[in-house]
Amino acid sequence: MNKLGEKIKKRRNELKWSLNELAQKSRVSKAYLSQLETGESERPSAEVLYNIAIALGISIAELLGKKLEKTEERDKTVPKSLAQAAIEHKWSQDDIKMLLGVARRAEKDKKPLTPDDWFILYETIKRFRRR
């Protein structure tokens, strides 16, 4: 098993997910995920890495075993609700970072955002950026 496969399997097991569950959440086939976990396939596309990382609630860098400099621990974790919205709406890593930054500045004493809340926030920011 390669390091990428080990990371995927370890995080999947931490979440107590089956391969089927990860396949559904990441929109990556169960067979391909199995190949990645066992090392049969070692070079997934950027899109596959992105979908797996978002579904697992970690960064691509963390998935690849790379360290991000000057990043607080909380900034590495994508809330599950944001991950769901990002996959559903096919948002880029930059969009996710932007949403995290805005939400974290405003999160004091507030309930966690739902996937629908993330979508509304995203659409609102996009409208203001177009002006």
Protein backbone atom coordinates (compact mmCIF):
# COMPACT_ATOMS: atom_id res chain seq x y z
CA MET A 1 0.00 0.00 0.00
CA ASN A 2 1.30 3.48 -0.86
CA LYS A 3 1.14 6.55 1.36
CA LEU A 4 -1.84 8.02 -0.48
CA GLY A 5 -3.75 4.76 -0.15
CA GLU A 6 -2.82 4.53 3.53
CA LYS A 7 -4.04 8.10 4.15
CA ILE A 8 -7.35 7.47 2.39
CA LYS A 9 -7.99 4.22 4.24
CA LYS A 10 -6.92 5.62 7.61
CA ARG A 11 -9.19 8.67 7.32
CA ARG A 12 -12.07 6.57 5.97
CA ASN A 13 -11.73 4.21 8.94
CA GLU A 14 -11.56 7.16 11.37
CA LEU A 15 -14.90 8.28 9.95
CA LYS A 16 -16.17 4.67 10.17
CA TRP A 17 -17.11 4.73 6.48
CA SER A 18 -17.23 1.82 4.09
CA LEU A 19 -15.74 2.10 0.62
CA ASN A 20 -19.32 2.46 -0.65
CA GLU A 21 -19.93 5.46 1.58
CA LEU A 22 -16.72 7.18 0.50
CA ALA A 23 -17.52 6.41 -3.14
CA GLN A 24 -20.93 8.06 -2.83
CA LYS A 25 -19.63 11.10 -0.96
CA SER A 26 -16.62 11.64 -3.23
CA ARG A 27 -18.24 10.66 -6.52
CA VAL A 28 -15.28 8.34 -7.17
CA SER A 29 -16.02 4.70 -7.98
CA LYS A 30 -15.66 2.10 -5.26
CA ALA A 31 -13.37 0.06 -7.53
CA TYR A 32 -11.03 3.01 -8.12
CA LEU A 33 -10.95 3.89 -4.42
CA SER A 34 -10.03 0.28 -3.67
CA GLN A 35 -7.21 0.47 -6.25
CA LEU A 36 -5.92 3.66 -4.63
CA GLU A 37 -6.06 2.16 -1.13
CA THR A 38 -4.25 -1.01 -2.16
CA GLY A 39 -1.66 0.78 -4.30
CA GLU A 40 -2.82 -0.75 -7.58
CA SER A 41 -3.32 2.80 -8.84
CA GLU A 42 -1.04 5.55 -7.59
CA ARG A 43 -1.62 8.65 -9.72
CA PRO A 44 -5.18 9.93 -9.49
CA SER A 45 -6.18 13.10 -11.30
CA ALA A 46 -6.39 16.42 -9.48
CA GLU A 47 -10.18 16.20 -9.65
CA VAL A 48 -10.21 12.77 -7.98
CA LEU A 49 -7.82 13.99 -5.25
CA TYR A 50 -9.99 17.05 -4.72
CA ASN A 51 -13.21 15.03 -4.45
CA ILE A 52 -11.68 12.52 -2.05
CA ALA A 53 -10.12 15.22 0.14
CA ILE A 54 -13.34 17.23 0.32
CA ALA A 55 -15.38 14.14 1.15
CA LEU A 56 -12.91 13.16 3.89
CA GLY A 57 -12.87 16.71 5.28
CA ILE A 58 -9.13 17.23 4.80
CA SER A 59 -6.94 19.24 2.47
CA ILE A 60 -5.31 17.77 -0.62
CA ALA A 61 -1.95 18.56 0.97
CA GLU A 62 -2.88 16.54 4.04
CA LEU A 63 -4.13 13.71 1.84
CA LEU A 64 -0.76 13.69 0.07
CA GLY A 65 1.16 13.85 3.35
CA LYS A 66 2.50 17.37 2.72
CA LYS A 67 2.82 20.00 5.41
CA LEU A 68 1.27 23.42 4.98
CA GLU A 69 3.38 26.16 6.50
CA LYS A 70 1.85 28.87 8.69
CA THR A 71 -1.56 27.23 8.72
CA GLU A 72 -3.55 26.86 11.89
CA GLU A 73 -4.89 23.39 12.60
CA ARG A 74 -8.53 24.50 12.27
CA ASP A 75 -7.84 25.89 8.78
CA LYS A 76 -6.93 22.40 7.53
CA THR A 77 -10.33 20.92 8.25
CA VAL A 78 -13.25 21.55 5.95
CA PRO A 79 -16.60 21.26 7.75
CA LYS A 80 -18.62 18.30 6.53
CA SER A 81 -21.48 20.58 5.46
CA LEU A 82 -19.10 22.68 3.33
CA ALA A 83 -17.60 19.53 1.81
CA GLN A 84 -21.08 18.35 0.83
CA ALA A 85 -21.97 21.70 -0.72
CA ALA A 86 -18.61 21.92 -2.54
CA ILE A 87 -19.06 18.53 -4.15
CA GLU A 88 -22.70 19.17 -5.03
CA HIS A 89 -21.96 22.56 -6.62
CA LYS A 90 -18.47 21.68 -7.97
CA TRP A 91 -16.70 24.55 -6.21
CA SER A 92 -12.97 25.06 -6.62
CA GLN A 93 -10.41 24.92 -3.79
CA ASP A 94 -10.21 28.74 -4.02
CA ASP A 95 -13.98 29.00 -3.54
CA ILE A 96 -13.77 26.75 -0.49
CA LYS A 97 -10.91 28.77 1.00
CA MET A 98 -12.83 31.99 0.43
CA LEU A 99 -15.95 30.61 2.10
CA LEU A 100 -13.96 29.26 5.05
CA GLY A 101 -12.30 32.63 5.55
CA VAL A 102 -15.58 34.53 5.52
CA ALA A 103 -17.40 32.01 7.70
CA ARG A 104 -14.63 31.76 10.28
CA ARG A 105 -14.51 35.52 10.72
CA ALA A 106 -18.24 35.49 11.42
CA GLU A 107 -18.58 32.20 13.32
CA LYS A 108 -18.40 33.41 16.92
CA ASP A 109 -21.31 32.05 18.95
CA LYS A 110 -23.19 30.84 15.87
CA LYS A 111 -24.53 27.44 14.89
CA PRO A 112 -22.59 25.44 12.28
CA LEU A 113 -23.62 26.18 8.72
CA THR A 114 -25.67 23.68 6.71
CA PRO A 115 -24.89 22.84 3.06
CA ASP A 116 -27.74 25.21 2.07
CA ASP A 117 -26.22 27.98 4.22
CA TRP A 118 -22.87 27.51 2.44
CA PHE A 119 -24.62 27.76 -0.94
CA ILE A 120 -26.39 30.99 0.03
CA LEU A 121 -23.13 32.47 1.32
CA TYR A 122 -21.33 31.44 -1.89
CA GLU A 123 -24.01 32.93 -4.15
CA THR A 124 -24.10 36.16 -2.14
CA ILE A 125 -20.34 36.64 -2.35
CA LYS A 126 -20.32 35.82 -6.08
CA ARG A 127 -22.99 38.49 -6.71
CA PHE A 128 -20.95 41.14 -4.88
CA ARG A 129 -17.78 40.18 -6.74
CA ARG A 130 -19.50 40.77 -10.10
CA ARG A 131 -20.36 44.39 -9.24
